[in-house]
Amino acid sequence: MPGVWGNGYASEACVAAVEWVWHDTDERSIIAVTQTANRASMALLDRFGFTEQRRFEEHGAQQSMQFIRRPS
């Protein structure tokens, strides 16, 4: 969807998802998965404080599983 890249939609969605989990659930962590080749998504998760837990192959591409813990 190159026509919408760079407009901040993924950042807005990430903010909304993380805020919802922390404010409306009792979950203590969030897990995210993205392809390692997707540099923009990898950078987005890094900006939000996600930490890579492991890499694995799926759908013919390397994936990165990342998590973030609920703030104290």
N, C-alpha and C. Protein backbone atom coordinates (compact mmCIF):
# COMPACT_ATOMS: atom_id res chain seq x y z
N MET A 1 0.81 -1.17 0.00
CA MET A 1 0.00 0.00 0.00
C MET A 1 0.87 1.26 0.00
N PRO A 2 1.73 1.38 -0.97
CA PRO A 2 2.65 2.53 -1.01
C PRO A 2 1.95 3.88 -0.95
N GLY A 3 0.73 3.99 -1.40
CA GLY A 3 0.03 5.26 -1.39
C GLY A 3 -0.23 5.82 0.00
N VAL A 4 -0.18 4.97 1.02
CA VAL A 4 -0.43 5.45 2.38
C VAL A 4 0.80 5.36 3.27
N TRP A 5 1.90 4.85 2.75
CA TRP A 5 3.12 4.77 3.55
C TRP A 5 3.62 6.16 3.90
N GLY A 6 4.18 6.29 5.09
CA GLY A 6 4.77 7.56 5.49
C GLY A 6 3.79 8.58 6.04
N ASN A 7 2.54 8.18 6.23
CA ASN A 7 1.54 9.10 6.76
C ASN A 7 1.31 8.96 8.26
N GLY A 8 2.02 8.05 8.90
CA GLY A 8 1.89 7.88 10.34
C GLY A 8 0.75 6.99 10.79
N TYR A 9 0.09 6.32 9.85
CA TYR A 9 -1.05 5.48 10.22
C TYR A 9 -0.64 4.31 11.11
N ALA A 10 0.50 3.70 10.83
CA ALA A 10 0.96 2.57 11.66
C ALA A 10 1.30 3.05 13.06
N SER A 11 1.91 4.22 13.16
CA SER A 11 2.23 4.77 14.49
C SER A 11 0.95 5.04 15.27
N GLU A 12 -0.04 5.63 14.63
CA GLU A 12 -1.31 5.90 15.29
C GLU A 12 -1.97 4.60 15.75
N ALA A 13 -1.93 3.60 14.91
CA ALA A 13 -2.54 2.31 15.26
C ALA A 13 -1.79 1.66 16.43
N CYS A 14 -0.48 1.77 16.44
CA CYS A 14 0.32 1.20 17.52
C CYS A 14 0.02 1.91 18.84
N VAL A 15 -0.04 3.23 18.82
CA VAL A 15 -0.38 3.99 20.02
C VAL A 15 -1.75 3.55 20.54
N ALA A 16 -2.73 3.48 19.67
CA ALA A 16 -4.08 3.10 20.08
C ALA A 16 -4.12 1.69 20.66
N ALA A 17 -3.43 0.76 20.01
CA ALA A 17 -3.44 -0.63 20.49
C ALA A 17 -2.76 -0.75 21.85
N VAL A 18 -1.61 -0.15 21.99
CA VAL A 18 -0.86 -0.24 23.26
C VAL A 18 -1.65 0.44 24.38
N GLU A 19 -2.19 1.63 24.13
CA GLU A 19 -2.98 2.32 25.15
C GLU A 19 -4.20 1.50 25.55
N TRP A 20 -4.86 0.88 24.57
CA TRP A 20 -6.04 0.07 24.89
C TRP A 20 -5.65 -1.09 25.80
N VAL A 21 -4.57 -1.80 25.44
CA VAL A 21 -4.16 -2.95 26.25
C VAL A 21 -3.84 -2.50 27.68
N TRP A 22 -3.05 -1.43 27.83
CA TRP A 22 -2.66 -1.01 29.17
C TRP A 22 -3.84 -0.45 29.98
N HIS A 23 -4.78 0.21 29.34
CA HIS A 23 -5.88 0.84 30.08
C HIS A 23 -7.12 -0.04 30.25
N ASP A 24 -7.34 -0.97 29.33
CA ASP A 24 -8.59 -1.72 29.35
C ASP A 24 -8.46 -3.22 29.57
N THR A 25 -7.25 -3.69 29.80
CA THR A 25 -7.06 -5.12 30.07
C THR A 25 -6.09 -5.28 31.23
N ASP A 26 -5.96 -6.51 31.68
CA ASP A 26 -4.99 -6.83 32.74
C ASP A 26 -3.72 -7.47 32.18
N GLU A 27 -3.58 -7.48 30.86
CA GLU A 27 -2.41 -8.11 30.25
C GLU A 27 -1.14 -7.43 30.75
N ARG A 28 -0.10 -8.24 30.94
CA ARG A 28 1.17 -7.71 31.43
C ARG A 28 2.19 -7.49 30.33
N SER A 29 1.87 -7.96 29.12
CA SER A 29 2.79 -7.75 28.00
C SER A 29 2.02 -7.82 26.69
N ILE A 30 2.66 -7.31 25.65
CA ILE A 30 2.10 -7.34 24.29
C ILE A 30 3.14 -7.98 23.40
N ILE A 31 2.70 -8.86 22.51
CA ILE A 31 3.59 -9.50 21.55
C ILE A 31 3.25 -8.98 20.16
N ALA A 32 4.28 -8.69 19.38
CA ALA A 32 4.11 -8.25 18.00
C ALA A 32 5.01 -9.10 17.11
N VAL A 33 4.56 -9.36 15.90
CA VAL A 33 5.35 -10.13 14.93
C VAL A 33 5.37 -9.36 13.62
N THR A 34 6.56 -9.22 13.04
CA THR A 34 6.71 -8.58 11.74
C THR A 34 7.85 -9.24 10.98
N GLN A 35 7.85 -9.07 9.69
CA GLN A 35 8.95 -9.59 8.89
C GLN A 35 10.19 -8.74 9.14
N THR A 36 11.33 -9.40 9.29
CA THR A 36 12.57 -8.66 9.55
C THR A 36 12.93 -7.75 8.37
N ALA A 37 12.51 -8.09 7.18
CA ALA A 37 12.79 -7.26 6.01
C ALA A 37 11.98 -5.97 6.00
N ASN A 38 10.94 -5.90 6.82
CA ASN A 38 10.10 -4.70 6.88
C ASN A 38 10.75 -3.72 7.86
N ARG A 39 11.69 -2.96 7.34
CA ARG A 39 12.48 -2.05 8.19
C ARG A 39 11.62 -1.01 8.90
N ALA A 40 10.59 -0.53 8.23
CA ALA A 40 9.73 0.48 8.86
C ALA A 40 9.00 -0.11 10.08
N SER A 41 8.49 -1.32 9.95
CA SER A 41 7.79 -1.94 11.09
C SER A 41 8.76 -2.30 12.20
N MET A 42 9.95 -2.76 11.85
CA MET A 42 10.96 -3.05 12.86
C MET A 42 11.32 -1.77 13.63
N ALA A 43 11.50 -0.65 12.91
CA ALA A 43 11.83 0.62 13.55
C ALA A 43 10.69 1.12 14.42
N LEU A 44 9.45 0.93 13.96
CA LEU A 44 8.28 1.34 14.73
C LEU A 44 8.24 0.61 16.06
N LEU A 45 8.41 -0.70 16.03
CA LEU A 45 8.38 -1.47 17.27
C LEU A 45 9.51 -1.04 18.20
N ASP A 46 10.67 -0.74 17.64
CA ASP A 46 11.79 -0.27 18.44
C ASP A 46 11.45 1.07 19.11
N ARG A 47 10.85 1.99 18.36
CA ARG A 47 10.47 3.29 18.93
C ARG A 47 9.48 3.15 20.08
N PHE A 48 8.63 2.14 20.02
CA PHE A 48 7.64 1.94 21.07
C PHE A 48 8.17 1.11 22.23
N GLY A 49 9.43 0.71 22.15
CA GLY A 49 10.06 -0.01 23.26
C GLY A 49 9.93 -1.51 23.22
N PHE A 50 9.51 -2.07 22.09
CA PHE A 50 9.44 -3.53 21.97
C PHE A 50 10.85 -4.11 21.91
N THR A 51 11.01 -5.32 22.43
CA THR A 51 12.29 -6.00 22.44
C THR A 51 12.15 -7.32 21.70
N GLU A 52 13.09 -7.60 20.81
CA GLU A 52 13.03 -8.84 20.05
C GLU A 52 13.32 -10.03 20.95
N GLN A 53 12.45 -11.05 20.84
CA GLN A 53 12.60 -12.28 21.61
C GLN A 53 13.20 -13.41 20.79
N ARG A 54 12.76 -13.49 19.54
CA ARG A 54 13.30 -14.54 18.68
C ARG A 54 12.95 -14.26 17.23
N ARG A 55 13.66 -14.96 16.35
CA ARG A 55 13.38 -14.90 14.91
C ARG A 55 13.03 -16.31 14.45
N PHE A 56 12.18 -16.38 13.44
CA PHE A 56 11.76 -17.68 12.92
C PHE A 56 11.32 -17.50 11.48
N GLU A 57 11.28 -18.61 10.75
CA GLU A 57 10.82 -18.62 9.36
C GLU A 57 9.34 -18.96 9.31
N GLU A 58 8.60 -18.17 8.53
CA GLU A 58 7.18 -18.44 8.31
C GLU A 58 6.77 -17.75 7.01
N HIS A 59 5.95 -18.42 6.23
CA HIS A 59 5.47 -17.87 4.95
C HIS A 59 6.64 -17.51 4.03
N GLY A 60 7.73 -18.27 4.13
CA GLY A 60 8.88 -18.05 3.26
C GLY A 60 9.71 -16.83 3.59
N ALA A 61 9.52 -16.26 4.78
CA ALA A 61 10.27 -15.06 5.16
C ALA A 61 10.64 -15.13 6.64
N GLN A 62 11.73 -14.46 6.98
CA GLN A 62 12.14 -14.41 8.38
C GLN A 62 11.26 -13.42 9.14
N GLN A 63 10.78 -13.87 10.30
CA GLN A 63 9.89 -13.07 11.15
C GLN A 63 10.62 -12.70 12.44
N SER A 64 10.22 -11.60 13.03
CA SER A 64 10.74 -11.17 14.32
C SER A 64 9.58 -11.11 15.31
N MET A 65 9.71 -11.87 16.40
CA MET A 65 8.71 -11.81 17.46
C MET A 65 9.25 -10.88 18.54
N GLN A 66 8.47 -9.86 18.87
CA GLN A 66 8.91 -8.86 19.85
C GLN A 66 7.85 -8.68 20.92
N PHE A 67 8.28 -8.13 22.07
CA PHE A 67 7.32 -7.92 23.15
C PHE A 67 7.65 -6.62 23.88
N ILE A 68 6.67 -6.16 24.62
CA ILE A 68 6.82 -5.02 25.52
C ILE A 68 6.08 -5.36 26.80
N ARG A 69 6.64 -4.99 27.92
CA ARG A 69 6.01 -5.24 29.21
C ARG A 69 5.23 -4.01 29.67
N ARG A 70 4.19 -4.29 30.44
CA ARG A 70 3.38 -3.21 31.03
C ARG A 70 4.29 -2.37 31.92
N PRO A 71 4.18 -1.04 31.80
CA PRO A 71 4.97 -0.17 32.68
C PRO A 71 4.57 -0.36 34.14
N SER A 72 5.50 -0.16 35.02
CA SER A 72 5.22 -0.30 36.45
C SER A 72 4.37 0.82 36.98
